[in-house]
Amino acid sequence: MISPDVNTIFLPISADTVQEAHFCRTYAGLVAAVGYLAMRFLYSSSKVQIGTVVLYITTVMIISKIFSFIYDGYTTIAIVTFFVAIAFAIGLYTLQKSRKNELDYNL
């Protein structure tokens, strides 16, 4: 995800074009986020909200997209998906904070 060469032993995918490299790095961000969250679910005693899970996955995918811009350059679809992911993460964070303020803890 953060190495200059996309073709590694961890992802057995051969990326020959820039579009394939962007896809591989985004997929690597998804795998890293899901792996982290699986460990968090296994070893955590507290409940984790689904909005937090989706926010973590989106944030790690955004970080991997930034490394994709650094190492692989820019394409139109990569820039569009980057900004859509940022808008989605901001919207999800805002919605999560507004719902947290509306919860009634006197159940």
PDB file of N, CA and C in Angstrom:
ATOM      1  N   MET A   1       0.819  -1.181   0.000  1.00  0.00           N
ATOM      2  CA  MET A   1       0.000   0.000   0.000  1.00  0.00           C
ATOM      3  C   MET A   1       0.873   1.259   0.000  1.00  0.00           C
ATOM      4  N   ILE A   2       1.949   1.249   0.777  1.00  0.00           N
ATOM      5  CA  ILE A   2       2.765   2.456   0.865  1.00  0.00           C
ATOM      6  C   ILE A   2       4.140   2.297   0.222  1.00  0.00           C
ATOM      7  N   SER A   3       4.392   1.171  -0.423  1.00  0.00           N
ATOM      8  CA  SER A   3       5.674   0.986  -1.092  1.00  0.00           C
ATOM      9  C   SER A   3       5.603   1.522  -2.517  1.00  0.00           C
ATOM     10  N   PRO A   4       6.739   1.914  -3.082  1.00  0.00           N
ATOM     11  CA  PRO A   4       6.720   2.443  -4.449  1.00  0.00           C
ATOM     12  C   PRO A   4       6.320   1.412  -5.499  1.00  0.00           C
ATOM     13  N   ASP A   5       6.640   0.141  -5.259  1.00  0.00           N
ATOM     14  CA  ASP A   5       6.313  -0.893  -6.231  1.00  0.00           C
ATOM     15  C   ASP A   5       5.016  -1.578  -5.829  1.00  0.00           C
ATOM     16  N   VAL A   6       4.056  -1.606  -6.723  1.00  0.00           N
ATOM     17  CA  VAL A   6       2.762  -2.214  -6.437  1.00  0.00           C
ATOM     18  C   VAL A   6       2.869  -3.733  -6.439  1.00  0.00           C
ATOM     19  N   ASN A   7       3.677  -4.294  -7.313  1.00  0.00           N
ATOM     20  CA  ASN A   7       3.782  -5.742  -7.466  1.00  0.00           C
ATOM     21  C   ASN A   7       4.641  -6.320  -6.348  1.00  0.00           C
ATOM     22  N   THR A   8       4.001  -6.839  -5.310  1.00  0.00           N
ATOM     23  CA  THR A   8       4.698  -7.431  -4.182  1.00  0.00           C
ATOM     24  C   THR A   8       4.171  -8.837  -3.941  1.00  0.00           C
ATOM     25  N   ILE A   9       4.762  -9.511  -2.981  1.00  0.00           N
ATOM     26  CA  ILE A   9       4.317 -10.866  -2.681  1.00  0.00           C
ATOM     27  C   ILE A   9       3.030 -10.866  -1.871  1.00  0.00           C
ATOM     28  N   PHE A  10       2.683  -9.742  -1.250  1.00  0.00           N
ATOM     29  CA  PHE A  10       1.492  -9.699  -0.417  1.00  0.00           C
ATOM     30  C   PHE A  10       0.216  -9.605  -1.238  1.00  0.00           C
ATOM     31  N   LEU A  11       0.260  -8.909  -2.347  1.00  0.00           N
ATOM     32  CA  LEU A  11      -0.867  -8.859  -3.271  1.00  0.00           C
ATOM     33  C   LEU A  11      -0.426  -9.495  -4.584  1.00  0.00           C
ATOM     34  N   PRO A  12      -0.862 -10.704  -4.850  1.00  0.00           N
ATOM     35  CA  PRO A  12      -0.408 -11.368  -6.073  1.00  0.00           C
ATOM     36  C   PRO A  12      -1.125 -10.848  -7.316  1.00  0.00           C
ATOM     37  N   ILE A  13      -1.022  -9.544  -7.539  1.00  0.00           N
ATOM     38  CA  ILE A  13      -1.661  -8.903  -8.685  1.00  0.00           C
ATOM     39  C   ILE A  13      -0.573  -8.205  -9.482  1.00  0.00           C
ATOM     40  N   SER A  14      -0.600  -8.393 -10.765  1.00  0.00           N
ATOM     41  CA  SER A  14       0.367  -7.725 -11.619  1.00  0.00           C
ATOM     42  C   SER A  14      -0.283  -6.471 -12.207  1.00  0.00           C
ATOM     43  N   ALA A  15       0.215  -5.309 -11.799  1.00  0.00           N
ATOM     44  CA  ALA A  15      -0.322  -4.048 -12.283  1.00  0.00           C
ATOM     45  C   ALA A  15       0.631  -3.481 -13.325  1.00  0.00           C
ATOM     46  N   ASP A  16       0.145  -3.370 -14.543  1.00  0.00           N
ATOM     47  CA  ASP A  16       0.979  -2.876 -15.635  1.00  0.00           C
ATOM     48  C   ASP A  16       0.647  -1.439 -16.035  1.00  0.00           C
ATOM     49  N   THR A  17      -0.575  -1.001 -15.763  1.00  0.00           N
ATOM     50  CA  THR A  17      -0.968   0.361 -16.125  1.00  0.00           C
ATOM     51  C   THR A  17      -1.216   1.175 -14.862  1.00  0.00           C
ATOM     52  N   VAL A  18      -1.357   2.474 -15.044  1.00  0.00           N
ATOM     53  CA  VAL A  18      -1.597   3.360 -13.906  1.00  0.00           C
ATOM     54  C   VAL A  18      -2.960   3.073 -13.282  1.00  0.00           C
ATOM     55  N   GLN A  19      -3.961   2.782 -14.108  1.00  0.00           N
ATOM     56  CA  GLN A  19      -5.290   2.489 -13.581  1.00  0.00           C
ATOM     57  C   GLN A  19      -5.268   1.230 -12.716  1.00  0.00           C
ATOM     58  N   GLU A  20      -4.534   0.219 -13.147  1.00  0.00           N
ATOM     59  CA  GLU A  20      -4.428  -1.005 -12.358  1.00  0.00           C
ATOM     60  C   GLU A  20      -3.676  -0.755 -11.052  1.00  0.00           C
ATOM     61  N   ALA A  21      -2.674   0.109 -11.085  1.00  0.00           N
ATOM     62  CA  ALA A  21      -1.925   0.429  -9.873  1.00  0.00           C
ATOM     63  C   ALA A  21      -2.813   1.166  -8.867  1.00  0.00           C
ATOM     64  N   HIS A  22      -3.651   2.095  -9.356  1.00  0.00           N
ATOM     65  CA  HIS A  22      -4.579   2.793  -8.465  1.00  0.00           C
ATOM     66  C   HIS A  22      -5.552   1.802  -7.842  1.00  0.00           C
ATOM     67  N   PHE A  23      -6.051   0.874  -8.631  1.00  0.00           N
ATOM     68  CA  PHE A  23      -6.971  -0.132  -8.107  1.00  0.00           C
ATOM     69  C   PHE A  23      -6.291  -1.003  -7.060  1.00  0.00           C
ATOM     70  N   CYS A  24      -5.065  -1.425  -7.322  1.00  0.00           N
ATOM     71  CA  CYS A  24      -4.342  -2.281  -6.371  1.00  0.00           C
ATOM     72  C   CYS A  24      -4.091  -1.573  -5.053  1.00  0.00           C
ATOM     73  N   ARG A  25      -3.712  -0.318  -5.102  1.00  0.00           N
ATOM     74  CA  ARG A  25      -3.454   0.411  -3.857  1.00  0.00           C
ATOM     75  C   ARG A  25      -4.746   0.636  -3.067  1.00  0.00           C
ATOM     76  N   THR A  26      -5.839   0.923  -3.749  1.00  0.00           N
ATOM     77  CA  THR A  26      -7.112   1.082  -3.052  1.00  0.00           C
ATOM     78  C   THR A  26      -7.548  -0.235  -2.436  1.00  0.00           C
ATOM     79  N   TYR A  27      -7.379  -1.318  -3.158  1.00  0.00           N
ATOM     80  CA  TYR A  27      -7.713  -2.648  -2.637  1.00  0.00           C
ATOM     81  C   TYR A  27      -6.817  -2.992  -1.450  1.00  0.00           C
ATOM     82  N   ALA A  28      -5.564  -2.606  -1.499  1.00  0.00           N
ATOM     83  CA  ALA A  28      -4.655  -2.849  -0.377  1.00  0.00           C
ATOM     84  C   ALA A  28      -5.100  -2.058   0.851  1.00  0.00           C
ATOM     85  N   GLY A  29      -5.604  -0.852   0.644  1.00  0.00           N
ATOM     86  CA  GLY A  29      -6.148  -0.078   1.760  1.00  0.00           C
ATOM     87  C   GLY A  29      -7.362  -0.741   2.374  1.00  0.00           C
ATOM     88  N   LEU A  30      -8.212  -1.315   1.534  1.00  0.00           N
ATOM     89  CA  LEU A  30      -9.373  -2.041   2.032  1.00  0.00           C
ATOM     90  C   LEU A  30      -8.950  -3.259   2.849  1.00  0.00           C
ATOM     91  N   VAL A  31      -7.983  -4.015   2.344  1.00  0.00           N
ATOM     92  CA  VAL A  31      -7.507  -5.208   3.052  1.00  0.00           C
ATOM     93  C   VAL A  31      -6.864  -4.830   4.385  1.00  0.00           C
ATOM     94  N   ALA A  32      -6.081  -3.769   4.401  1.00  0.00           N
ATOM     95  CA  ALA A  32      -5.443  -3.326   5.649  1.00  0.00           C
ATOM     96  C   ALA A  32      -6.481  -2.884   6.672  1.00  0.00           C
ATOM     97  N   ALA A  33      -7.488  -2.147   6.234  1.00  0.00           N
ATOM     98  CA  ALA A  33      -8.520  -1.674   7.160  1.00  0.00           C
ATOM     99  C   ALA A  33      -9.358  -2.825   7.698  1.00  0.00           C
ATOM    100  N   VAL A  34      -9.735  -3.745   6.849  1.00  0.00           N
ATOM    101  CA  VAL A  34     -10.541  -4.877   7.294  1.00  0.00           C
ATOM    102  C   VAL A  34      -9.726  -5.774   8.224  1.00  0.00           C
ATOM    103  N   GLY A  35      -8.436  -5.938   7.954  1.00  0.00           N
ATOM    104  CA  GLY A  35      -7.584  -6.715   8.849  1.00  0.00           C
ATOM    105  C   GLY A  35      -7.460  -6.072  10.213  1.00  0.00           C
ATOM    106  N   TYR A  36      -7.276  -4.770  10.236  1.00  0.00           N
ATOM    107  CA  TYR A  36      -7.196  -4.053  11.504  1.00  0.00           C
ATOM    108  C   TYR A  36      -8.502  -4.176  12.283  1.00  0.00           C
ATOM    109  N   LEU A  37      -9.618  -3.994  11.591  1.00  0.00           N
ATOM    110  CA  LEU A  37     -10.898  -4.051  12.282  1.00  0.00           C
ATOM    111  C   LEU A  37     -11.241  -5.457  12.746  1.00  0.00           C
ATOM    112  N   ALA A  38     -10.808  -6.473  12.017  1.00  0.00           N
ATOM    113  CA  ALA A  38     -11.022  -7.847  12.470  1.00  0.00           C
ATOM    114  C   ALA A  38     -10.281  -8.083  13.785  1.00  0.00           C
ATOM    115  N   MET A  39      -9.055  -7.606  13.883  1.00  0.00           N
ATOM    116  CA  MET A  39      -8.308  -7.729  15.133  1.00  0.00           C
ATOM    117  C   MET A  39      -8.962  -6.923  16.254  1.00  0.00           C
ATOM    118  N   ARG A  40      -9.469  -5.776  15.915  1.00  0.00           N
ATOM    119  CA  ARG A  40     -10.128  -4.962  16.936  1.00  0.00           C
ATOM    120  C   ARG A  40     -11.395  -5.635  17.452  1.00  0.00           C
ATOM    121  N   PHE A  41     -12.161  -6.250  16.564  1.00  0.00           N
ATOM    122  CA  PHE A  41     -13.358  -6.957  16.989  1.00  0.00           C
ATOM    123  C   PHE A  41     -13.021  -8.179  17.832  1.00  0.00           C
ATOM    124  N   LEU A  42     -11.951  -8.882  17.470  1.00  0.00           N
ATOM    125  CA  LEU A  42     -11.600 -10.101  18.197  1.00  0.00           C
ATOM    126  C   LEU A  42     -11.110  -9.823  19.613  1.00  0.00           C
ATOM    127  N   TYR A  43     -10.341  -8.777  19.782  1.00  0.00           N
ATOM    128  CA  TYR A  43      -9.698  -8.540  21.070  1.00  0.00           C
ATOM    129  C   TYR A  43     -10.273  -7.369  21.860  1.00  0.00           C
ATOM    130  N   SER A  44     -11.392  -6.822  21.439  1.00  0.00           N
ATOM    131  CA  SER A  44     -11.986  -5.694  22.148  1.00  0.00           C
ATOM    132  C   SER A  44     -13.163  -6.171  22.979  1.00  0.00           C
ATOM    133  N   SER A  45     -13.292  -5.608  24.157  1.00  0.00           N
ATOM    134  CA  SER A  45     -14.420  -5.968  25.005  1.00  0.00           C
ATOM    135  C   SER A  45     -15.588  -4.993  24.836  1.00  0.00           C
ATOM    136  N   SER A  46     -15.347  -3.871  24.184  1.00  0.00           N
ATOM    137  CA  SER A  46     -16.415  -2.897  23.992  1.00  0.00           C
ATOM    138  C   SER A  46     -17.062  -3.076  22.623  1.00  0.00           C
ATOM    139  N   LYS A  47     -18.288  -2.604  22.521  1.00  0.00           N
ATOM    140  CA  LYS A  47     -18.999  -2.672  21.246  1.00  0.00           C
ATOM    141  C   LYS A  47     -18.473  -1.580  20.311  1.00  0.00           C
ATOM    142  N   VAL A  48     -18.348  -1.919  19.057  1.00  0.00           N
ATOM    143  CA  VAL A  48     -17.898  -0.963  18.052  1.00  0.00           C
ATOM    144  C   VAL A  48     -19.061  -0.730  17.099  1.00  0.00           C
ATOM    145  N   GLN A  49     -19.415   0.537  16.885  1.00  0.00           N
ATOM    146  CA  GLN A  49     -20.538   0.860  16.021  1.00  0.00           C
ATOM    147  C   GLN A  49     -20.171   0.631  14.565  1.00  0.00           C
ATOM    148  N   ILE A  50     -21.160   0.300  13.768  1.00  0.00           N
ATOM    149  CA  ILE A  50     -20.926   0.025  12.351  1.00  0.00           C
ATOM    150  C   ILE A  50     -20.477   1.285  11.617  1.00  0.00           C
ATOM    151  N   GLY A  51     -20.928   2.456  12.045  1.00  0.00           N
ATOM    152  CA  GLY A  51     -20.475   3.702  11.427  1.00  0.00           C
ATOM    153  C   GLY A  51     -18.990   3.923  11.631  1.00  0.00           C
ATOM    154  N   THR A  52     -18.490   3.544  12.805  1.00  0.00           N
ATOM    155  CA  THR A  52     -17.058   3.651  13.078  1.00  0.00           C
ATOM    156  C   THR A  52     -16.267   2.700  12.192  1.00  0.00           C
ATOM    157  N   VAL A  53     -16.783   1.516  11.984  1.00  0.00           N
ATOM    158  CA  VAL A  53     -16.121   0.537  11.124  1.00  0.00           C
ATOM    159  C   VAL A  53     -16.009   1.061   9.700  1.00  0.00           C
ATOM    160  N   VAL A  54     -17.098   1.566   9.166  1.00  0.00           N
ATOM    161  CA  VAL A  54     -17.087   2.090   7.798  1.00  0.00           C
ATOM    162  C   VAL A  54     -16.187   3.313   7.695  1.00  0.00           C
ATOM    163  N   LEU A  55     -16.160   4.141   8.741  1.00  0.00           N
ATOM    164  CA  LEU A  55     -15.296   5.319   8.733  1.00  0.00           C
ATOM    165  C   LEU A  55     -13.819   4.927   8.731  1.00  0.00           C
ATOM    166  N   TYR A  56     -13.453   3.902   9.513  1.00  0.00           N
ATOM    167  CA  TYR A  56     -12.073   3.412   9.498  1.00  0.00           C
ATOM    168  C   TYR A  56     -11.690   2.878   8.117  1.00  0.00           C
ATOM    169  N   ILE A  57     -12.555   2.094   7.525  1.00  0.00           N
ATOM    170  CA  ILE A  57     -12.263   1.525   6.204  1.00  0.00           C
ATOM    171  C   ILE A  57     -12.089   2.641   5.177  1.00  0.00           C
ATOM    172  N   THR A  58     -12.975   3.618   5.193  1.00  0.00           N
ATOM    173  CA  THR A  58     -12.882   4.722   4.247  1.00  0.00           C
ATOM    174  C   THR A  58     -11.620   5.550   4.468  1.00  0.00           C
ATOM    175  N   THR A  59     -11.258   5.783   5.722  1.00  0.00           N
ATOM    176  CA  THR A  59     -10.061   6.574   6.016  1.00  0.00           C
ATOM    177  C   THR A  59      -8.793   5.884   5.547  1.00  0.00           C
ATOM    178  N   VAL A  60      -8.686   4.585   5.774  1.00  0.00           N
ATOM    179  CA  VAL A  60      -7.493   3.859   5.315  1.00  0.00           C
ATOM    180  C   VAL A  60      -7.456   3.804   3.792  1.00  0.00           C
ATOM    181  N   MET A  61      -8.601   3.696   3.152  1.00  0.00           N
ATOM    182  CA  MET A  61      -8.619   3.722   1.688  1.00  0.00           C
ATOM    183  C   MET A  61      -8.205   5.091   1.152  1.00  0.00           C
ATOM    184  N   ILE A  62      -8.574   6.160   1.848  1.00  0.00           N
ATOM    185  CA  ILE A  62      -8.142   7.502   1.443  1.00  0.00           C
ATOM    186  C   ILE A  62      -6.631   7.640   1.585  1.00  0.00           C
ATOM    187  N   ILE A  63      -6.084   7.110   2.675  1.00  0.00           N
ATOM    188  CA  ILE A  63      -4.631   7.158   2.870  1.00  0.00           C
ATOM    189  C   ILE A  63      -3.912   6.376   1.778  1.00  0.00           C
ATOM    190  N   SER A  64      -4.440   5.201   1.429  1.00  0.00           N
ATOM    191  CA  SER A  64      -3.800   4.435   0.355  1.00  0.00           C
ATOM    192  C   SER A  64      -3.927   5.140  -0.990  1.00  0.00           C
ATOM    193  N   LYS A  65      -5.007   5.871  -1.181  1.00  0.00           N
ATOM    194  CA  LYS A  65      -5.172   6.641  -2.419  1.00  0.00           C
ATOM    195  C   LYS A  65      -4.152   7.778  -2.492  1.00  0.00           C
ATOM    196  N   ILE A  66      -3.823   8.378  -1.352  1.00  0.00           N
ATOM    197  CA  ILE A  66      -2.796   9.437  -1.327  1.00  0.00           C
ATOM    198  C   ILE A  66      -1.447   8.861  -1.744  1.00  0.00           C
ATOM    199  N   PHE A  67      -1.088   7.683  -1.229  1.00  0.00           N
ATOM    200  CA  PHE A  67       0.159   7.044  -1.653  1.00  0.00           C
ATOM    201  C   PHE A  67       0.100   6.657  -3.125  1.00  0.00           C
ATOM    202  N   SER A  68      -1.062   6.321  -3.608  1.00  0.00           N
ATOM    203  CA  SER A  68      -1.207   6.021  -5.034  1.00  0.00           C
ATOM    204  C   SER A  68      -0.948   7.265  -5.882  1.00  0.00           C
ATOM    205  N   PHE A  69      -1.402   8.428  -5.417  1.00  0.00           N
ATOM    206  CA  PHE A  69      -1.106   9.665  -6.132  1.00  0.00           C
ATOM    207  C   PHE A  69       0.387   9.960  -6.132  1.00  0.00           C
ATOM    208  N   ILE A  70       1.051   9.691  -5.014  1.00  0.00           N
ATOM    209  CA  ILE A  70       2.482   9.971  -4.917  1.00  0.00           C
ATOM    210  C   ILE A  70       3.279   9.081  -5.860  1.00  0.00           C
ATOM    211  N   TYR A  71       2.991   7.782  -5.848  1.00  0.00           N
ATOM    212  CA  TYR A  71       3.809   6.836  -6.599  1.00  0.00           C
ATOM    213  C   TYR A  71       3.339   6.592  -8.030  1.00  0.00           C
ATOM    214  N   ASP A  72       2.040   6.695  -8.284  1.00  0.00           N
ATOM    215  CA  ASP A  72       1.513   6.305  -9.593  1.00  0.00           C
ATOM    216  C   ASP A  72       0.999   7.466 -10.425  1.00  0.00           C
ATOM    217  N   GLY A  73       0.893   8.632  -9.857  1.00  0.00           N
ATOM    218  CA  GLY A  73       0.390   9.772 -10.609  1.00  0.00           C
ATOM    219  C   GLY A  73      -1.114   9.912 -10.487  1.00  0.00           C
ATOM    220  N   TYR A  74      -1.671  10.766 -11.321  1.00  0.00           N
ATOM    221  CA  TYR A  74      -3.083  11.107 -11.246  1.00  0.00           C
ATOM    222  C   TYR A  74      -3.816  10.621 -12.480  1.00  0.00           C
ATOM    223  N   THR A  75      -5.020  10.158 -12.268  1.00  0.00           N
ATOM    224  CA  THR A  75      -5.961   9.918 -13.360  1.00  0.00           C
ATOM    225  C   THR A  75      -7.276  10.581 -12.968  1.00  0.00           C
ATOM    226  N   THR A  76      -8.125  10.793 -13.924  1.00  0.00           N
ATOM    227  CA  THR A  76      -9.385  11.471 -13.655  1.00  0.00           C
ATOM    228  C   THR A  76     -10.256  10.670 -12.696  1.00  0.00           C
ATOM    229  N   ILE A  77     -10.380   9.382 -12.937  1.00  0.00           N
ATOM    230  CA  ILE A  77     -11.234   8.559 -12.084  1.00  0.00           C
ATOM    231  C   ILE A  77     -10.654   8.438 -10.675  1.00  0.00           C
ATOM    232  N   ALA A  78      -9.331   8.443 -10.545  1.00  0.00           N
ATOM    233  CA  ALA A  78      -8.716   8.369  -9.220  1.00  0.00           C
ATOM    234  C   ALA A  78      -8.988   9.636  -8.427  1.00  0.00           C
ATOM    235  N   ILE A  79      -8.928  10.779  -9.073  1.00  0.00           N
ATOM    236  CA  ILE A  79      -9.206  12.048  -8.390  1.00  0.00           C
ATOM    237  C   ILE A  79     -10.677  12.117  -7.989  1.00  0.00           C
ATOM    238  N   VAL A  80     -11.560  11.690  -8.870  1.00  0.00           N
ATOM    239  CA  VAL A  80     -12.995  11.709  -8.561  1.00  0.00           C
ATOM    240  C   VAL A  80     -13.301  10.785  -7.388  1.00  0.00           C
ATOM    241  N   THR A  81     -12.775   9.571  -7.403  1.00  0.00           N
ATOM    242  CA  THR A  81     -13.039   8.647  -6.301  1.00  0.00           C
ATOM    243  C   THR A  81     -12.414   9.138  -5.000  1.00  0.00           C
ATOM    244  N   PHE A  82     -11.283   9.810  -5.075  1.00  0.00           N
ATOM    245  CA  PHE A  82     -10.652  10.367  -3.882  1.00  0.00           C
ATOM    246  C   PHE A  82     -11.558  11.407  -3.229  1.00  0.00           C
ATOM    247  N   PHE A  83     -12.085  12.336  -4.024  1.00  0.00           N
ATOM    248  CA  PHE A  83     -12.940  13.376  -3.464  1.00  0.00           C
ATOM    249  C   PHE A  83     -14.297  12.840  -3.030  1.00  0.00           C
ATOM    250  N   VAL A  84     -14.811  11.848  -3.711  1.00  0.00           N
ATOM    251  CA  VAL A  84     -16.061  11.211  -3.270  1.00  0.00           C
ATOM    252  C   VAL A  84     -15.845  10.507  -1.935  1.00  0.00           C
ATOM    253  N   ALA A  85     -14.702   9.837  -1.775  1.00  0.00           N
ATOM    254  CA  ALA A  85     -14.396   9.163  -0.509  1.00  0.00           C
ATOM    255  C   ALA A  85     -14.226  10.171   0.622  1.00  0.00           C
ATOM    256  N   ILE A  86     -13.598  11.311   0.348  1.00  0.00           N
ATOM    257  CA  ILE A  86     -13.464  12.346   1.368  1.00  0.00           C
ATOM    258  C   ILE A  86     -14.827  12.902   1.760  1.00  0.00           C
ATOM    259  N   ALA A  87     -15.675  13.166   0.772  1.00  0.00           N
ATOM    260  CA  ALA A  87     -17.021  13.666   1.074  1.00  0.00           C
ATOM    261  C   ALA A  87     -17.818  12.632   1.870  1.00  0.00           C
ATOM    262  N   PHE A  88     -17.673  11.361   1.516  1.00  0.00           N
ATOM    263  CA  PHE A  88     -18.357  10.294   2.233  1.00  0.00           C
ATOM    264  C   PHE A  88     -17.865  10.205   3.674  1.00  0.00           C
ATOM    265  N   ALA A  89     -16.557  10.292   3.880  1.00  0.00           N
ATOM    266  CA  ALA A  89     -15.994  10.216   5.234  1.00  0.00           C
ATOM    267  C   ALA A  89     -16.433  11.412   6.079  1.00  0.00           C
ATOM    268  N   ILE A  90     -16.431  12.598   5.512  1.00  0.00           N
ATOM    269  CA  ILE A  90     -16.868  13.787   6.258  1.00  0.00           C
ATOM    270  C   ILE A  90     -18.356  13.680   6.594  1.00  0.00           C
ATOM    271  N   GLY A  91     -19.153  13.255   5.631  1.00  0.00           N
ATOM    272  CA  GLY A  91     -20.586  13.085   5.887  1.00  0.00           C
ATOM    273  C   GLY A  91     -20.863  12.028   6.937  1.00  0.00           C
ATOM    274  N   LEU A  92     -20.143  10.928   6.874  1.00  0.00           N
ATOM    275  CA  LEU A  92     -20.320   9.859   7.852  1.00  0.00           C
ATOM    276  C   LEU A  92     -19.901  10.312   9.240  1.00  0.00           C
ATOM    277  N   TYR A  93     -18.787  11.038   9.335  1.00  0.00           N
ATOM    278  CA  TYR A  93     -18.324  11.551  10.624  1.00  0.00           C
ATOM    279  C   TYR A  93     -19.329  12.541  11.210  1.00  0.00           C
ATOM    280  N   THR A  94     -19.840  13.444  10.380  1.00  0.00           N
ATOM    281  CA  THR A  94     -20.817  14.426  10.837  1.00  0.00           C
ATOM    282  C   THR A  94     -22.097  13.751  11.302  1.00  0.00           C
ATOM    283  N   LEU A  95     -22.573  12.790  10.531  1.00  0.00           N
ATOM    284  CA  LEU A  95     -23.783  12.065  10.898  1.00  0.00           C
ATOM    285  C   LEU A  95     -23.596  11.276  12.186  1.00  0.00           C
ATOM    286  N   GLN A  96     -22.440  10.673  12.335  1.00  0.00           N
ATOM    287  CA  GLN A  96     -22.160   9.897  13.531  1.00  0.00           C
ATOM    288  C   GLN A  96     -22.116  10.794  14.769  1.00  0.00           C
ATOM    289  N   LYS A  97     -21.495  11.969  14.665  1.00  0.00           N
ATOM    290  CA  LYS A  97     -21.441  12.897  15.792  1.00  0.00           C
ATOM    291  C   LYS A  97     -22.821  13.462  16.131  1.00  0.00           C
ATOM    292  N   SER A  98     -23.636  13.753  15.113  1.00  0.00           N
ATOM    293  CA  SER A  98     -24.968  14.293  15.391  1.00  0.00           C
ATOM    294  C   SER A  98     -25.867  13.239  16.031  1.00  0.00           C
ATOM    295  N   ARG A  99     -25.742  11.987  15.614  1.00  0.00           N
ATOM    296  CA  ARG A  99     -26.532  10.918  16.234  1.00  0.00           C
ATOM    297  C   ARG A  99     -26.064  10.626  17.646  1.00  0.00           C
ATOM    298  N   LYS A 100     -24.790  10.754  17.886  1.00  0.00           N
ATOM    299  CA  LYS A 100     -24.258  10.500  19.229  1.00  0.00           C
ATOM    300  C   LYS A 100     -24.817  11.532  20.209  1.00  0.00           C
ATOM    301  N   ASN A 101     -25.006  12.750  19.751  1.00  0.00           N
ATOM    302  CA  ASN A 101     -25.577  13.790  20.602  1.00  0.00           C
ATOM    303  C   ASN A 101     -27.074  13.600  20.843  1.00  0.00           C
ATOM    304  N   GLU A 102     -27.742  12.826  19.980  1.00  0.00           N
ATOM    305  CA  GLU A 102     -29.184  12.608  20.109  1.00  0.00           C
ATOM    306  C   GLU A 102     -29.535  11.362  20.907  1.00  0.00           C
ATOM    307  N   LEU A 103     -28.566  10.517  21.231  1.00  0.00           N
ATOM    308  CA  LEU A 103     -28.849   9.288  21.951  1.00  0.00           C
ATOM    309  C   LEU A 103     -29.327   9.586  23.368  1.00  0.00           C
ATOM    310  N   ASP A 104     -30.335   8.850  23.789  1.00  0.00           N
ATOM    311  CA  ASP A 104     -30.829   8.968  25.145  1.00  0.00           C
ATOM    312  C   ASP A 104     -30.205   7.844  25.978  1.00  0.00           C
ATOM    313  N   TYR A 105     -29.413   8.218  26.946  1.00  0.00           N
ATOM    314  CA  TYR A 105     -28.733   7.218  27.762  1.00  0.00           C
ATOM    315  C   TYR A 105     -29.544   6.824  28.993  1.00  0.00           C
ATOM    316  N   ASN A 106     -30.753   7.328  29.127  1.00  0.00           N
ATOM    317  CA  ASN A 106     -31.607   6.991  30.255  1.00  0.00           C
ATOM    318  C   ASN A 106     -32.573   5.869  29.884  1.00  0.00           C
ATOM    319  N   LEU A 107     -32.057   4.787  29.414  1.00  0.00           N
ATOM    320  CA  LEU A 107     -32.920   3.670  28.997  1.00  0.00           C
ATOM    321  C   LEU A 107     -33.228   2.761  30.140  1.00  0.00           C
TER     322      LEU A 107
END
